[in-house]
């Protein structure tokens, strides 16, 4: 009863509905007062009512009986403080729902979900420390000084969960620890990064910085600066950038920066800022560069795009492994995908 009550409220919030809104959605088949009793666990809806609610809330009936525990820690919102509470709740509940199905699938396959932070207890007191942290993580994850071809896949392969959600344009992403620091979670806004994969990569690694770096004692501006620097350091190693630029420079070419962006998947602006932090260009040149970039209208949309692949198929791969090895039925696979059985069969050509 407890799980059903919690899942019903979660599904309602995922859909951005009030109790009255849900009552209207089901044509007032029951009142908002009756729905409130369901959510408080005072009354258990019968199977017919569960079917009606599932249809209205776009979930499968067995959604209400799932019992995978998901507890979010402190959420590091970026540019989300002014969001309406209704939208915040919607984003968080969608993330919880998607993550619960992911964790359930890993548990079925016996995959360890607990994450070890290679940067735990590493002191961060300067930008030099940020570079050391990025180098340590690169070493722990076997990256060397190479470019990262797919950031999202890299994170997922190392048990950092990444969930993408459609929301208003002002929302970039947030990060939190799940289940008492067992699982690091990054949530990204799909709408924000359409045709801007370099920003998606940067934001994902920025949020990773919030999770892994010991920066919470700093005020917000300093914390954001460190996480920005960490994202840049992960995207392009300091020695790699020195080699690409040939050492200290007085000027940089737009075409040159564009070529580096296309190879390493880091924005031209982040490249120039990183070059300044490494002492490869002067503060004055950085100011001149940004002034020209502003005048040309490139701050929002840069003149060169990064074309790559920034998603992970890990959940789908695990799902079809479980299906092929007969750990789960086709019906369970559809449930984990939050699809109706007929829809799942058609989409995946399952006989």
C-alpha atoms as a PDB file:
ATOM      1  CA  UNK A   1       0.000   0.000   0.000  1.00  0.00           C
ATOM      2  CA  UNK A   2       2.834   2.392   0.883  1.00  0.00           C
ATOM      3  CA  UNK A   3       4.581   1.955  -2.461  1.00  0.00           C
ATOM      4  CA  UNK A   4       1.339   2.306  -4.418  1.00  0.00           C
ATOM      5  CA  UNK A   5       0.516   5.567  -2.637  1.00  0.00           C
ATOM      6  CA  UNK A   6       4.000   6.981  -3.232  1.00  0.00           C
ATOM      7  CA  UNK A   7       4.083   5.889  -6.887  1.00  0.00           C
ATOM      8  CA  UNK A   8       0.667   7.412  -7.576  1.00  0.00           C
ATOM      9  CA  UNK A   9       1.768  10.790  -6.230  1.00  0.00           C
ATOM     10  CA  UNK A  10       5.035  10.549  -8.148  1.00  0.00           C
ATOM     11  CA  UNK A  11       3.212   9.786 -11.424  1.00  0.00           C
ATOM     12  CA  UNK A  12       0.856  12.722 -10.852  1.00  0.00           C
ATOM     13  CA  UNK A  13       3.780  15.099 -10.261  1.00  0.00           C
ATOM     14  CA  UNK A  14       5.595  13.714 -13.325  1.00  0.00           C
ATOM     15  CA  UNK A  15       2.628  14.818 -15.397  1.00  0.00           C
ATOM     16  CA  UNK A  16       2.504  18.230 -13.738  1.00  0.00           C
ATOM     17  CA  UNK A  17      -1.013  17.670 -12.401  1.00  0.00           C
ATOM     18  CA  UNK A  18      -2.715  18.801  -9.220  1.00  0.00           C
ATOM     19  CA  UNK A  19      -5.186  16.437  -7.543  1.00  0.00           C
ATOM     20  CA  UNK A  20      -8.025  18.300  -9.251  1.00  0.00           C
ATOM     21  CA  UNK A  21      -6.139  18.189 -12.530  1.00  0.00           C
ATOM     22  CA  UNK A  22      -5.871  14.422 -12.265  1.00  0.00           C
ATOM     23  CA  UNK A  23      -9.560  14.156 -11.377  1.00  0.00           C
ATOM     24  CA  UNK A  24     -10.359  16.185 -14.504  1.00  0.00           C
ATOM     25  CA  UNK A  25      -8.034  13.968 -16.545  1.00  0.00           C
ATOM     26  CA  UNK A  26     -10.082  10.894 -15.614  1.00  0.00           C
ATOM     27  CA  UNK A  27     -13.355  12.766 -16.223  1.00  0.00           C
ATOM     28  CA  UNK A  28     -14.013  12.946 -12.462  1.00  0.00           C
ATOM     29  CA  UNK A  29     -14.490   9.182 -12.276  1.00  0.00           C
ATOM     30  CA  UNK A  30     -13.495   9.758  -8.643  1.00  0.00           C
ATOM     31  CA  UNK A  31     -13.088  13.043  -6.783  1.00  0.00           C
ATOM     32  CA  UNK A  32      -9.861  14.779  -5.858  1.00  0.00           C
ATOM     33  CA  UNK A  33     -10.636  13.859  -2.244  1.00  0.00           C
ATOM     34  CA  UNK A  34     -10.686  10.168  -3.197  1.00  0.00           C
ATOM     35  CA  UNK A  35      -7.392  10.592  -5.073  1.00  0.00           C
ATOM     36  CA  UNK A  36      -5.899  12.248  -1.989  1.00  0.00           C
ATOM     37  CA  UNK A  37      -6.870   9.204   0.092  1.00  0.00           C
ATOM     38  CA  UNK A  38      -5.147   6.949  -2.455  1.00  0.00           C
ATOM     39  CA  UNK A  39      -1.960   9.031  -2.195  1.00  0.00           C
ATOM     40  CA  UNK A  40      -2.050   8.999   1.598  1.00  0.00           C
ATOM     41  CA  UNK A  41      -2.474   5.232   1.638  1.00  0.00           C
ATOM     42  CA  UNK A  42      -5.853   5.476   3.389  1.00  0.00           C
ATOM     43  CA  UNK A  43      -7.669   3.695   0.552  1.00  0.00           C
ATOM     44  CA  UNK A  44      -6.347   1.214  -2.016  1.00  0.00           C
ATOM     45  CA  UNK A  45      -7.751   1.637  -5.554  1.00  0.00           C
ATOM     46  CA  UNK A  46      -9.125  -1.513  -7.171  1.00  0.00           C
ATOM     47  CA  UNK A  47      -7.665  -2.983 -10.375  1.00  0.00           C
ATOM     48  CA  UNK A  48     -10.113  -1.110 -12.602  1.00  0.00           C
ATOM     49  CA  UNK A  49      -9.179   2.201 -10.993  1.00  0.00           C
ATOM     50  CA  UNK A  50      -5.466   1.420 -11.315  1.00  0.00           C
ATOM     51  CA  UNK A  51      -5.998   0.833 -15.034  1.00  0.00           C
ATOM     52  CA  UNK A  52      -7.787   4.169 -15.401  1.00  0.00           C
ATOM     53  CA  UNK A  53      -5.050   6.017 -13.501  1.00  0.00           C
ATOM     54  CA  UNK A  54      -2.283   4.300 -15.467  1.00  0.00           C
ATOM     55  CA  UNK A  55      -3.877   5.373 -18.760  1.00  0.00           C
ATOM     56  CA  UNK A  56      -4.309   8.961 -17.582  1.00  0.00           C
ATOM     57  CA  UNK A  57      -0.753   9.192 -16.214  1.00  0.00           C
ATOM     58  CA  UNK A  58       0.954   7.453 -19.160  1.00  0.00           C
ATOM     59  CA  UNK A  59       2.416   4.589 -17.149  1.00  0.00           C
ATOM     60  CA  UNK A  60       1.843   0.849 -17.090  1.00  0.00           C
ATOM     61  CA  UNK A  61      -0.388  -0.563 -14.320  1.00  0.00           C
ATOM     62  CA  UNK A  62       2.564  -2.473 -12.832  1.00  0.00           C
ATOM     63  CA  UNK A  63       4.329   0.874 -12.341  1.00  0.00           C
ATOM     64  CA  UNK A  64       2.279   1.321  -9.161  1.00  0.00           C
ATOM     65  CA  UNK A  65       3.675  -1.850  -7.613  1.00  0.00           C
ATOM     66  CA  UNK A  66       7.400  -1.275  -8.236  1.00  0.00           C
ATOM     67  CA  UNK A  67       9.390  -1.042  -5.002  1.00  0.00           C
ATOM     68  CA  UNK A  68      12.914  -0.017  -6.083  1.00  0.00           C
ATOM     69  CA  UNK A  69      14.064   2.498  -3.460  1.00  0.00           C
ATOM     70  CA  UNK A  70      15.225   5.870  -4.798  1.00  0.00           C
ATOM     71  CA  UNK A  71      16.319   8.600  -2.389  1.00  0.00           C
ATOM     72  CA  UNK A  72      17.847  11.777  -3.800  1.00  0.00           C
ATOM     73  CA  UNK A  73      20.435  13.694  -1.827  1.00  0.00           C
ATOM     74  CA  UNK A  74      20.961  17.456  -2.059  1.00  0.00           C
ATOM     75  CA  UNK A  75      20.241  18.548  -5.610  1.00  0.00           C
ATOM     76  CA  UNK A  76      22.759  20.885  -7.252  1.00  0.00           C
ATOM     77  CA  UNK A  77      20.435  22.887  -9.489  1.00  0.00           C
ATOM     78  CA  UNK A  78      21.979  25.134 -12.115  1.00  0.00           C
ATOM     79  CA  UNK A  79      19.943  28.224 -12.998  1.00  0.00           C
ATOM     80  CA  UNK A  80      16.863  26.556 -11.564  1.00  0.00           C
ATOM     81  CA  UNK A  81      16.244  28.478  -8.353  1.00  0.00           C
ATOM     82  CA  UNK A  82      13.584  30.611 -10.048  1.00  0.00           C
ATOM     83  CA  UNK A  83      11.756  27.630 -11.558  1.00  0.00           C
ATOM     84  CA  UNK A  84       8.156  27.068 -10.421  1.00  0.00           C
ATOM     85  CA  UNK A  85       7.902  24.350  -7.763  1.00  0.00           C
ATOM     86  CA  UNK A  86       5.533  22.417 -10.044  1.00  0.00           C
ATOM     87  CA  UNK A  87       8.190  22.150 -12.762  1.00  0.00           C
ATOM     88  CA  UNK A  88      10.940  21.250 -10.294  1.00  0.00           C
ATOM     89  CA  UNK A  89       8.773  18.463  -8.913  1.00  0.00           C
ATOM     90  CA  UNK A  90       8.013  17.217 -12.414  1.00  0.00           C
ATOM     91  CA  UNK A  91      11.697  17.055 -13.356  1.00  0.00           C
ATOM     92  CA  UNK A  92      12.703  15.308 -10.124  1.00  0.00           C
ATOM     93  CA  UNK A  93       9.918  12.722 -10.294  1.00  0.00           C
ATOM     94  CA  UNK A  94      10.653  11.883 -13.939  1.00  0.00           C
ATOM     95  CA  UNK A  95      14.308  11.420 -13.030  1.00  0.00           C
ATOM     96  CA  UNK A  96      13.379   9.164 -10.104  1.00  0.00           C
ATOM     97  CA  UNK A  97      11.107   7.056 -12.286  1.00  0.00           C
ATOM     98  CA  UNK A  98      13.666   6.562 -15.054  1.00  0.00           C
ATOM     99  CA  UNK A  99      16.439   5.851 -12.576  1.00  0.00           C
ATOM    100  CA  UNK A 100      14.356   3.311 -10.644  1.00  0.00           C
ATOM    101  CA  UNK A 101      13.790   1.266 -13.808  1.00  0.00           C
ATOM    102  CA  UNK A 102      17.498   1.477 -14.659  1.00  0.00           C
ATOM    103  CA  UNK A 103      18.567   0.308 -11.194  1.00  0.00           C
ATOM    104  CA  UNK A 104      15.970  -2.479 -11.191  1.00  0.00           C
ATOM    105  CA  UNK A 105      17.405  -3.750 -14.490  1.00  0.00           C
ATOM    106  CA  UNK A 106      20.950  -3.706 -13.098  1.00  0.00           C
ATOM    107  CA  UNK A 107      19.782  -5.563 -10.002  1.00  0.00           C
ATOM    108  CA  UNK A 108      18.132  -8.235 -12.182  1.00  0.00           C
ATOM    109  CA  UNK A 109      21.450  -8.719 -13.999  1.00  0.00           C
ATOM    110  CA  UNK A 110      23.464  -8.661 -10.779  1.00  0.00           C
ATOM    111  CA  UNK A 111      25.427  -5.549 -11.786  1.00  0.00           C
ATOM    112  CA  UNK A 112      27.057  -3.580  -8.961  1.00  0.00           C
ATOM    113  CA  UNK A 113      25.665  -0.044  -8.909  1.00  0.00           C
ATOM    114  CA  UNK A 114      27.708   1.459  -6.069  1.00  0.00           C
ATOM    115  CA  UNK A 115      30.129   4.091  -7.361  1.00  0.00           C
ATOM    116  CA  UNK A 116      33.677   4.723  -6.136  1.00  0.00           C
ATOM    117  CA  UNK A 117      34.780   8.357  -6.365  1.00  0.00           C
ATOM    118  CA  UNK A 118      38.463   8.454  -7.448  1.00  0.00           C
ATOM    119  CA  UNK A 119      38.637  12.095  -6.282  1.00  0.00           C
ATOM    120  CA  UNK A 120      37.271  11.537  -2.792  1.00  0.00           C
ATOM    121  CA  UNK A 121      39.104  13.554  -0.121  1.00  0.00           C
ATOM    122  CA  UNK A 122      41.299  15.224  -2.762  1.00  0.00           C
ATOM    123  CA  UNK A 123      41.748  18.855  -1.622  1.00  0.00           C
ATOM    124  CA  UNK A 124      40.728  21.597  -4.062  1.00  0.00           C
ATOM    125  CA  UNK A 125      42.308  24.961  -3.282  1.00  0.00           C
ATOM    126  CA  UNK A 126      43.277  26.288  -6.713  1.00  0.00           C
ATOM    127  CA  UNK A 127      42.898  25.868 -10.470  1.00  0.00           C
ATOM    128  CA  UNK A 128      46.093  23.797 -10.394  1.00  0.00           C
ATOM    129  CA  UNK A 129      44.302  21.376  -8.077  1.00  0.00           C
ATOM    130  CA  UNK A 130      41.441  21.185 -10.577  1.00  0.00           C
ATOM    131  CA  UNK A 131      43.868  20.105 -13.304  1.00  0.00           C
ATOM    132  CA  UNK A 132      45.360  17.507 -10.961  1.00  0.00           C
ATOM    133  CA  UNK A 133      41.860  16.201 -10.228  1.00  0.00           C
ATOM    134  CA  UNK A 134      41.046  15.940 -13.936  1.00  0.00           C
ATOM    135  CA  UNK A 135      44.335  14.111 -14.567  1.00  0.00           C
ATOM    136  CA  UNK A 136      43.637  11.712 -11.708  1.00  0.00           C
ATOM    137  CA  UNK A 137      40.160  10.918 -13.025  1.00  0.00           C
ATOM    138  CA  UNK A 138      41.470  10.507 -16.569  1.00  0.00           C
ATOM    139  CA  UNK A 139      44.047   8.054 -15.232  1.00  0.00           C
ATOM    140  CA  UNK A 140      41.474   6.150 -13.160  1.00  0.00           C
ATOM    141  CA  UNK A 141      39.198   5.830 -16.185  1.00  0.00           C
ATOM    142  CA  UNK A 142      42.026   4.916 -18.581  1.00  0.00           C
ATOM    143  CA  UNK A 143      41.721   7.999 -20.794  1.00  0.00           C
ATOM    144  CA  UNK A 144      45.322   9.171 -20.892  1.00  0.00           C
ATOM    145  CA  UNK A 145      45.487  12.459 -22.784  1.00  0.00           C
ATOM    146  CA  UNK A 146      43.147  11.348 -25.587  1.00  0.00           C
ATOM    147  CA  UNK A 147      40.047  13.202 -26.727  1.00  0.00           C
ATOM    148  CA  UNK A 148      36.760  11.916 -25.284  1.00  0.00           C
ATOM    149  CA  UNK A 149      34.629  10.765 -28.192  1.00  0.00           C
ATOM    150  CA  UNK A 150      31.360  10.377 -26.248  1.00  0.00           C
ATOM    151  CA  UNK A 151      31.083  11.953 -22.797  1.00  0.00           C
ATOM    152  CA  UNK A 152      27.644  10.530 -21.991  1.00  0.00           C
ATOM    153  CA  UNK A 153      28.726   7.000 -22.850  1.00  0.00           C
ATOM    154  CA  UNK A 154      31.926   7.432 -20.818  1.00  0.00           C
ATOM    155  CA  UNK A 155      29.956   8.486 -17.743  1.00  0.00           C
ATOM    156  CA  UNK A 156      27.449   5.648 -18.099  1.00  0.00           C
ATOM    157  CA  UNK A 157      30.229   3.090 -18.576  1.00  0.00           C
ATOM    158  CA  UNK A 158      31.678   4.213 -15.225  1.00  0.00           C
ATOM    159  CA  UNK A 159      28.339   3.973 -13.370  1.00  0.00           C
ATOM    160  CA  UNK A 160      27.431   7.652 -13.475  1.00  0.00           C
ATOM    161  CA  UNK A 161      23.758   7.698 -14.457  1.00  0.00           C
ATOM    162  CA  UNK A 162      22.762  10.315 -17.037  1.00  0.00           C
ATOM    163  CA  UNK A 163      19.090  11.058 -17.666  1.00  0.00           C
ATOM    164  CA  UNK A 164      17.817  13.503 -20.290  1.00  0.00           C
ATOM    165  CA  UNK A 165      14.525  15.321 -19.782  1.00  0.00           C
ATOM    166  CA  UNK A 166      12.641  17.911 -21.835  1.00  0.00           C
ATOM    167  CA  UNK A 167      12.089  21.122 -19.918  1.00  0.00           C
ATOM    168  CA  UNK A 168      12.021  24.869 -20.366  1.00  0.00           C
ATOM    169  CA  UNK A 169      14.964  26.479 -22.133  1.00  0.00           C
ATOM    170  CA  UNK A 170      16.419  28.073 -18.966  1.00  0.00           C
ATOM    171  CA  UNK A 171      17.185  24.702 -17.374  1.00  0.00           C
ATOM    172  CA  UNK A 172      20.640  23.235 -18.148  1.00  0.00           C
ATOM    173  CA  UNK A 173      20.962  20.372 -15.724  1.00  0.00           C
ATOM    174  CA  UNK A 174      21.457  19.256 -12.150  1.00  0.00           C
ATOM    175  CA  UNK A 175      23.420  16.649 -10.247  1.00  0.00           C
ATOM    176  CA  UNK A 176      22.802  14.689  -7.068  1.00  0.00           C
ATOM    177  CA  UNK A 177      23.850  11.572  -5.201  1.00  0.00           C
ATOM    178  CA  UNK A 178      21.272   8.806  -4.919  1.00  0.00           C
ATOM    179  CA  UNK A 179      20.719   6.355  -2.054  1.00  0.00           C
ATOM    180  CA  UNK A 180      23.267   7.706   0.421  1.00  0.00           C
ATOM    181  CA  UNK A 181      26.033   8.419  -2.093  1.00  0.00           C
ATOM    182  CA  UNK A 182      25.830   5.032  -3.810  1.00  0.00           C
ATOM    183  CA  UNK A 183      24.946   6.364  -7.269  1.00  0.00           C
ATOM    184  CA  UNK A 184      25.924   9.668  -8.912  1.00  0.00           C
ATOM    185  CA  UNK A 185      23.158  11.109 -11.110  1.00  0.00           C
ATOM    186  CA  UNK A 186      23.292  13.827 -13.748  1.00  0.00           C
ATOM    187  CA  UNK A 187      20.094  15.154 -15.316  1.00  0.00           C
ATOM    188  CA  UNK A 188      20.306  17.164 -18.554  1.00  0.00           C
ATOM    189  CA  UNK A 189      17.737  19.192 -20.470  1.00  0.00           C
ATOM    190  CA  UNK A 190      17.314  17.792 -24.001  1.00  0.00           C
ATOM    191  CA  UNK A 191      15.831  21.012 -25.340  1.00  0.00           C
ATOM    192  CA  UNK A 192      18.828  23.048 -24.192  1.00  0.00           C
ATOM    193  CA  UNK A 193      21.383  21.138 -26.233  1.00  0.00           C
ATOM    194  CA  UNK A 194      19.750  20.538 -29.601  1.00  0.00           C
ATOM    195  CA  UNK A 195      22.515  21.017 -32.195  1.00  0.00           C
ATOM    196  CA  UNK A 196      24.888  22.144 -29.411  1.00  0.00           C
ATOM    197  CA  UNK A 197      26.688  18.956 -28.489  1.00  0.00           C
ATOM    198  CA  UNK A 198      29.773  20.802 -27.219  1.00  0.00           C
ATOM    199  CA  UNK A 199      27.591  22.491 -24.576  1.00  0.00           C
ATOM    200  CA  UNK A 200      25.980  19.181 -23.671  1.00  0.00           C
ATOM    201  CA  UNK A 201      29.421  17.606 -23.129  1.00  0.00           C
ATOM    202  CA  UNK A 202      30.604  20.573 -21.094  1.00  0.00           C
ATOM    203  CA  UNK A 203      27.464  20.669 -18.930  1.00  0.00           C
ATOM    204  CA  UNK A 204      27.621  16.926 -18.209  1.00  0.00           C
ATOM    205  CA  UNK A 205      31.243  17.226 -17.045  1.00  0.00           C
ATOM    206  CA  UNK A 206      30.482  20.422 -15.117  1.00  0.00           C
ATOM    207  CA  UNK A 207      27.784  18.534 -13.210  1.00  0.00           C
ATOM    208  CA  UNK A 208      30.236  15.675 -12.676  1.00  0.00           C
ATOM    209  CA  UNK A 209      32.520  18.236 -11.037  1.00  0.00           C
ATOM    210  CA  UNK A 210      29.737  19.137  -8.592  1.00  0.00           C
ATOM    211  CA  UNK A 211      29.475  15.456  -7.673  1.00  0.00           C
ATOM    212  CA  UNK A 212      33.115  14.449  -7.405  1.00  0.00           C
ATOM    213  CA  UNK A 213      35.039  17.563  -6.365  1.00  0.00           C
ATOM    214  CA  UNK A 214      35.405  18.786  -2.787  1.00  0.00           C
ATOM    215  CA  UNK A 215      34.114  22.299  -3.549  1.00  0.00           C
ATOM    216  CA  UNK A 216      30.952  22.602  -1.467  1.00  0.00           C
ATOM    217  CA  UNK A 217      32.671  24.803   1.120  1.00  0.00           C
ATOM    218  CA  UNK A 218      33.085  27.572  -1.485  1.00  0.00           C
ATOM    219  CA  UNK A 219      30.521  30.242  -2.301  1.00  0.00           C
ATOM    220  CA  UNK A 220      28.529  29.606  -5.462  1.00  0.00           C
ATOM    221  CA  UNK A 221      30.549  31.779  -7.872  1.00  0.00           C
ATOM    222  CA  UNK A 222      33.848  30.108  -6.932  1.00  0.00           C
ATOM    223  CA  UNK A 223      32.266  26.666  -6.996  1.00  0.00           C
ATOM    224  CA  UNK A 224      30.918  27.263 -10.505  1.00  0.00           C
ATOM    225  CA  UNK A 225      34.331  28.539 -11.644  1.00  0.00           C
ATOM    226  CA  UNK A 226      36.023  25.368 -10.408  1.00  0.00           C
ATOM    227  CA  UNK A 227      33.432  23.111 -12.037  1.00  0.00           C
ATOM    228  CA  UNK A 228      33.784  25.019 -15.322  1.00  0.00           C
ATOM    229  CA  UNK A 229      37.553  24.559 -15.163  1.00  0.00           C
ATOM    230  CA  UNK A 230      37.123  20.852 -14.389  1.00  0.00           C
ATOM    231  CA  UNK A 231      34.872  20.355 -17.431  1.00  0.00           C
ATOM    232  CA  UNK A 232      37.427  22.064 -19.682  1.00  0.00           C
ATOM    233  CA  UNK A 233      40.308  20.070 -18.190  1.00  0.00           C
ATOM    234  CA  UNK A 234      38.445  16.811 -18.817  1.00  0.00           C
ATOM    235  CA  UNK A 235      37.646  17.765 -22.404  1.00  0.00           C
ATOM    236  CA  UNK A 236      41.211  18.724 -23.322  1.00  0.00           C
ATOM    237  CA  UNK A 237      44.309  17.832 -21.302  1.00  0.00           C
ATOM    238  CA  UNK A 238      46.613  20.774 -20.542  1.00  0.00           C
ATOM    239  CA  UNK A 239      49.588  19.271 -22.378  1.00  0.00           C
ATOM    240  CA  UNK A 240      47.395  18.489 -25.358  1.00  0.00           C
ATOM    241  CA  UNK A 241      46.236  22.114 -25.560  1.00  0.00           C
ATOM    242  CA  UNK A 242      49.836  23.333 -25.257  1.00  0.00           C
ATOM    243  CA  UNK A 243      50.815  21.088 -28.167  1.00  0.00           C
ATOM    244  CA  UNK A 244      47.822  22.146 -30.256  1.00  0.00           C
ATOM    245  CA  UNK A 245      48.613  25.848 -29.744  1.00  0.00           C
ATOM    246  CA  UNK A 246      52.380  25.420 -29.928  1.00  0.00           C
ATOM    247  CA  UNK A 247      53.050  27.110 -26.579  1.00  0.00           C
ATOM    248  CA  UNK A 248      52.409  30.719 -25.572  1.00  0.00           C
ATOM    249  CA  UNK A 249      50.590  32.834 -28.142  1.00  0.00           C
ATOM    250  CA  UNK A 250      49.903  36.489 -28.820  1.00  0.00           C
ATOM    251  CA  UNK A 251      46.926  35.801 -31.093  1.00  0.00           C
ATOM    252  CA  UNK A 252      44.640  32.926 -31.970  1.00  0.00           C
ATOM    253  CA  UNK A 253      42.892  32.220 -35.259  1.00  0.00           C
ATOM    254  CA  UNK A 254      39.138  31.586 -35.364  1.00  0.00           C
ATOM    255  CA  UNK A 255      39.727  28.799 -37.889  1.00  0.00           C
ATOM    256  CA  UNK A 256      42.372  27.269 -35.620  1.00  0.00           C
ATOM    257  CA  UNK A 257      40.031  27.293 -32.631  1.00  0.00           C
ATOM    258  CA  UNK A 258      37.246  25.851 -34.762  1.00  0.00           C
ATOM    259  CA  UNK A 259      39.461  22.951 -35.833  1.00  0.00           C
ATOM    260  CA  UNK A 260      40.403  22.179 -32.207  1.00  0.00           C
ATOM    261  CA  UNK A 261      36.740  22.386 -31.218  1.00  0.00           C
ATOM    262  CA  UNK A 262      35.786  19.850 -33.884  1.00  0.00           C
ATOM    263  CA  UNK A 263      38.489  17.450 -32.718  1.00  0.00           C
ATOM    264  CA  UNK A 264      37.974  17.668 -28.933  1.00  0.00           C
ATOM    265  CA  UNK A 265      34.325  18.668 -28.613  1.00  0.00           C
ATOM    266  CA  UNK A 266      34.946  21.760 -26.495  1.00  0.00           C
ATOM    267  CA  UNK A 267      33.584  25.218 -27.342  1.00  0.00           C
ATOM    268  CA  UNK A 268      35.858  27.902 -28.743  1.00  0.00           C
ATOM    269  CA  UNK A 269      35.075  30.113 -25.759  1.00  0.00           C
ATOM    270  CA  UNK A 270      35.995  27.403 -23.258  1.00  0.00           C
ATOM    271  CA  UNK A 271      39.206  26.743 -25.207  1.00  0.00           C
ATOM    272  CA  UNK A 272      40.287  30.371 -24.997  1.00  0.00           C
ATOM    273  CA  UNK A 273      39.437  30.592 -21.303  1.00  0.00           C
ATOM    274  CA  UNK A 274      41.407  27.409 -20.625  1.00  0.00           C
ATOM    275  CA  UNK A 275      44.340  28.791 -22.610  1.00  0.00           C
ATOM    276  CA  UNK A 276      44.278  31.875 -20.373  1.00  0.00           C
ATOM    277  CA  UNK A 277      44.175  29.755 -17.188  1.00  0.00           C
ATOM    278  CA  UNK A 278      47.214  27.803 -18.425  1.00  0.00           C
ATOM    279  CA  UNK A 279      49.129  31.004 -19.175  1.00  0.00           C
ATOM    280  CA  UNK A 280      49.139  30.420 -22.945  1.00  0.00           C
ATOM    281  CA  UNK A 281      47.463  33.768 -23.667  1.00  0.00           C
ATOM    282  CA  UNK A 282      47.221  36.991 -21.643  1.00  0.00           C
ATOM    283  CA  UNK A 283      44.247  38.357 -19.714  1.00  0.00           C
ATOM    284  CA  UNK A 284      44.129  41.293 -22.132  1.00  0.00           C
ATOM    285  CA  UNK A 285      43.909  39.025 -25.151  1.00  0.00           C
ATOM    286  CA  UNK A 286      41.110  37.040 -23.492  1.00  0.00           C
ATOM    287  CA  UNK A 287      39.131  40.275 -23.024  1.00  0.00           C
ATOM    288  CA  UNK A 288      39.762  41.272 -26.641  1.00  0.00           C
ATOM    289  CA  UNK A 289      38.686  37.858 -27.868  1.00  0.00           C
ATOM    290  CA  UNK A 290      35.390  37.944 -25.974  1.00  0.00           C
ATOM    291  CA  UNK A 291      34.720  41.504 -27.150  1.00  0.00           C
ATOM    292  CA  UNK A 292      35.160  40.463 -30.794  1.00  0.00           C
ATOM    293  CA  UNK A 293      33.163  37.264 -30.239  1.00  0.00           C
ATOM    294  CA  UNK A 294      30.308  39.369 -28.818  1.00  0.00           C
ATOM    295  CA  UNK A 295      30.434  41.833 -31.688  1.00  0.00           C
ATOM    296  CA  UNK A 296      30.216  38.999 -34.220  1.00  0.00           C
ATOM    297  CA  UNK A 297      27.267  37.447 -32.388  1.00  0.00           C
ATOM    298  CA  UNK A 298      29.094  34.200 -31.595  1.00  0.00           C
ATOM    299  CA  UNK A 299      28.533  34.007 -27.820  1.00  0.00           C
ATOM    300  CA  UNK A 300      25.332  31.970 -28.194  1.00  0.00           C
ATOM    301  CA  UNK A 301      25.946  30.239 -31.531  1.00  0.00           C
ATOM    302  CA  UNK A 302      29.592  29.746 -32.454  1.00  0.00           C
ATOM    303  CA  UNK A 303      30.707  29.850 -36.125  1.00  0.00           C
ATOM    304  CA  UNK A 304      31.823  26.198 -36.059  1.00  0.00           C
ATOM    305  CA  UNK A 305      29.712  23.256 -34.865  1.00  0.00           C
ATOM    306  CA  UNK A 306      30.921  20.135 -33.113  1.00  0.00           C
ATOM    307  CA  UNK A 307      29.522  17.038 -34.783  1.00  0.00           C
ATOM    308  CA  UNK A 308      29.703  13.906 -32.717  1.00  0.00           C
ATOM    309  CA  UNK A 309      27.625  11.340 -30.869  1.00  0.00           C
ATOM    310  CA  UNK A 310      26.510  12.195 -27.363  1.00  0.00           C
ATOM    311  CA  UNK A 311      24.238   9.546 -25.953  1.00  0.00           C
ATOM    312  CA  UNK A 312      24.484   6.118 -24.369  1.00  0.00           C
ATOM    313  CA  UNK A 313      22.759   2.890 -25.379  1.00  0.00           C
ATOM    314  CA  UNK A 314      23.737   1.153 -22.147  1.00  0.00           C
ATOM    315  CA  UNK A 315      20.205   0.786 -20.759  1.00  0.00           C
ATOM    316  CA  UNK A 316      18.938  -0.710 -24.024  1.00  0.00           C
ATOM    317  CA  UNK A 317      21.931  -3.034 -24.255  1.00  0.00           C
ATOM    318  CA  UNK A 318      21.335  -4.288 -20.709  1.00  0.00           C
ATOM    319  CA  UNK A 319      17.616  -4.664 -21.372  1.00  0.00           C
ATOM    320  CA  UNK A 320      18.097  -6.839 -24.452  1.00  0.00           C
ATOM    321  CA  UNK A 321      20.828  -8.831 -22.723  1.00  0.00           C
ATOM    322  CA  UNK A 322      18.400  -9.611 -19.902  1.00  0.00           C
ATOM    323  CA  UNK A 323      15.740 -10.521 -22.451  1.00  0.00           C
ATOM    324  CA  UNK A 324      18.060 -12.748 -24.516  1.00  0.00           C
ATOM    325  CA  UNK A 325      19.380 -14.521 -21.407  1.00  0.00           C
ATOM    326  CA  UNK A 326      15.767 -14.982 -20.210  1.00  0.00           C
ATOM    327  CA  UNK A 327      16.304 -13.073 -16.977  1.00  0.00           C
ATOM    328  CA  UNK A 328      13.111 -11.194 -17.849  1.00  0.00           C
ATOM    329  CA  UNK A 329       9.996 -11.802 -19.925  1.00  0.00           C
ATOM    330  CA  UNK A 330       8.918  -9.670 -22.880  1.00  0.00           C
ATOM    331  CA  UNK A 331       6.219  -8.223 -20.639  1.00  0.00           C
ATOM    332  CA  UNK A 332       8.809  -7.229 -18.020  1.00  0.00           C
ATOM    333  CA  UNK A 333      11.054  -5.722 -20.711  1.00  0.00           C
ATOM    334  CA  UNK A 334       8.132  -3.572 -21.857  1.00  0.00           C
ATOM    335  CA  UNK A 335       7.489  -2.525 -18.263  1.00  0.00           C
ATOM    336  CA  UNK A 336      11.122  -1.498 -17.789  1.00  0.00           C
ATOM    337  CA  UNK A 337      10.852   0.595 -20.964  1.00  0.00           C
ATOM    338  CA  UNK A 338       7.543   2.002 -19.687  1.00  0.00           C
ATOM    339  CA  UNK A 339       5.803   0.833 -22.866  1.00  0.00           C
ATOM    340  CA  UNK A 340       2.694  -1.149 -23.597  1.00  0.00           C
ATOM    341  CA  UNK A 341       3.496  -4.714 -24.644  1.00  0.00           C
ATOM    342  CA  UNK A 342       2.161  -4.277 -28.196  1.00  0.00           C
ATOM    343  CA  UNK A 343       4.150  -1.053 -28.598  1.00  0.00           C
ATOM    344  CA  UNK A 344       7.323  -2.732 -27.342  1.00  0.00           C
ATOM    345  CA  UNK A 345       6.876  -5.712 -29.710  1.00  0.00           C
ATOM    346  CA  UNK A 346       6.306  -3.455 -32.714  1.00  0.00           C
ATOM    347  CA  UNK A 347       9.166  -1.072 -31.958  1.00  0.00           C
ATOM    348  CA  UNK A 348      11.688  -3.829 -31.285  1.00  0.00           C
ATOM    349  CA  UNK A 349      10.413  -6.444 -33.740  1.00  0.00           C
ATOM    350  CA  UNK A 350       9.977  -8.943 -30.913  1.00  0.00           C
ATOM    351  CA  UNK A 351       7.965 -12.014 -31.921  1.00  0.00           C
END
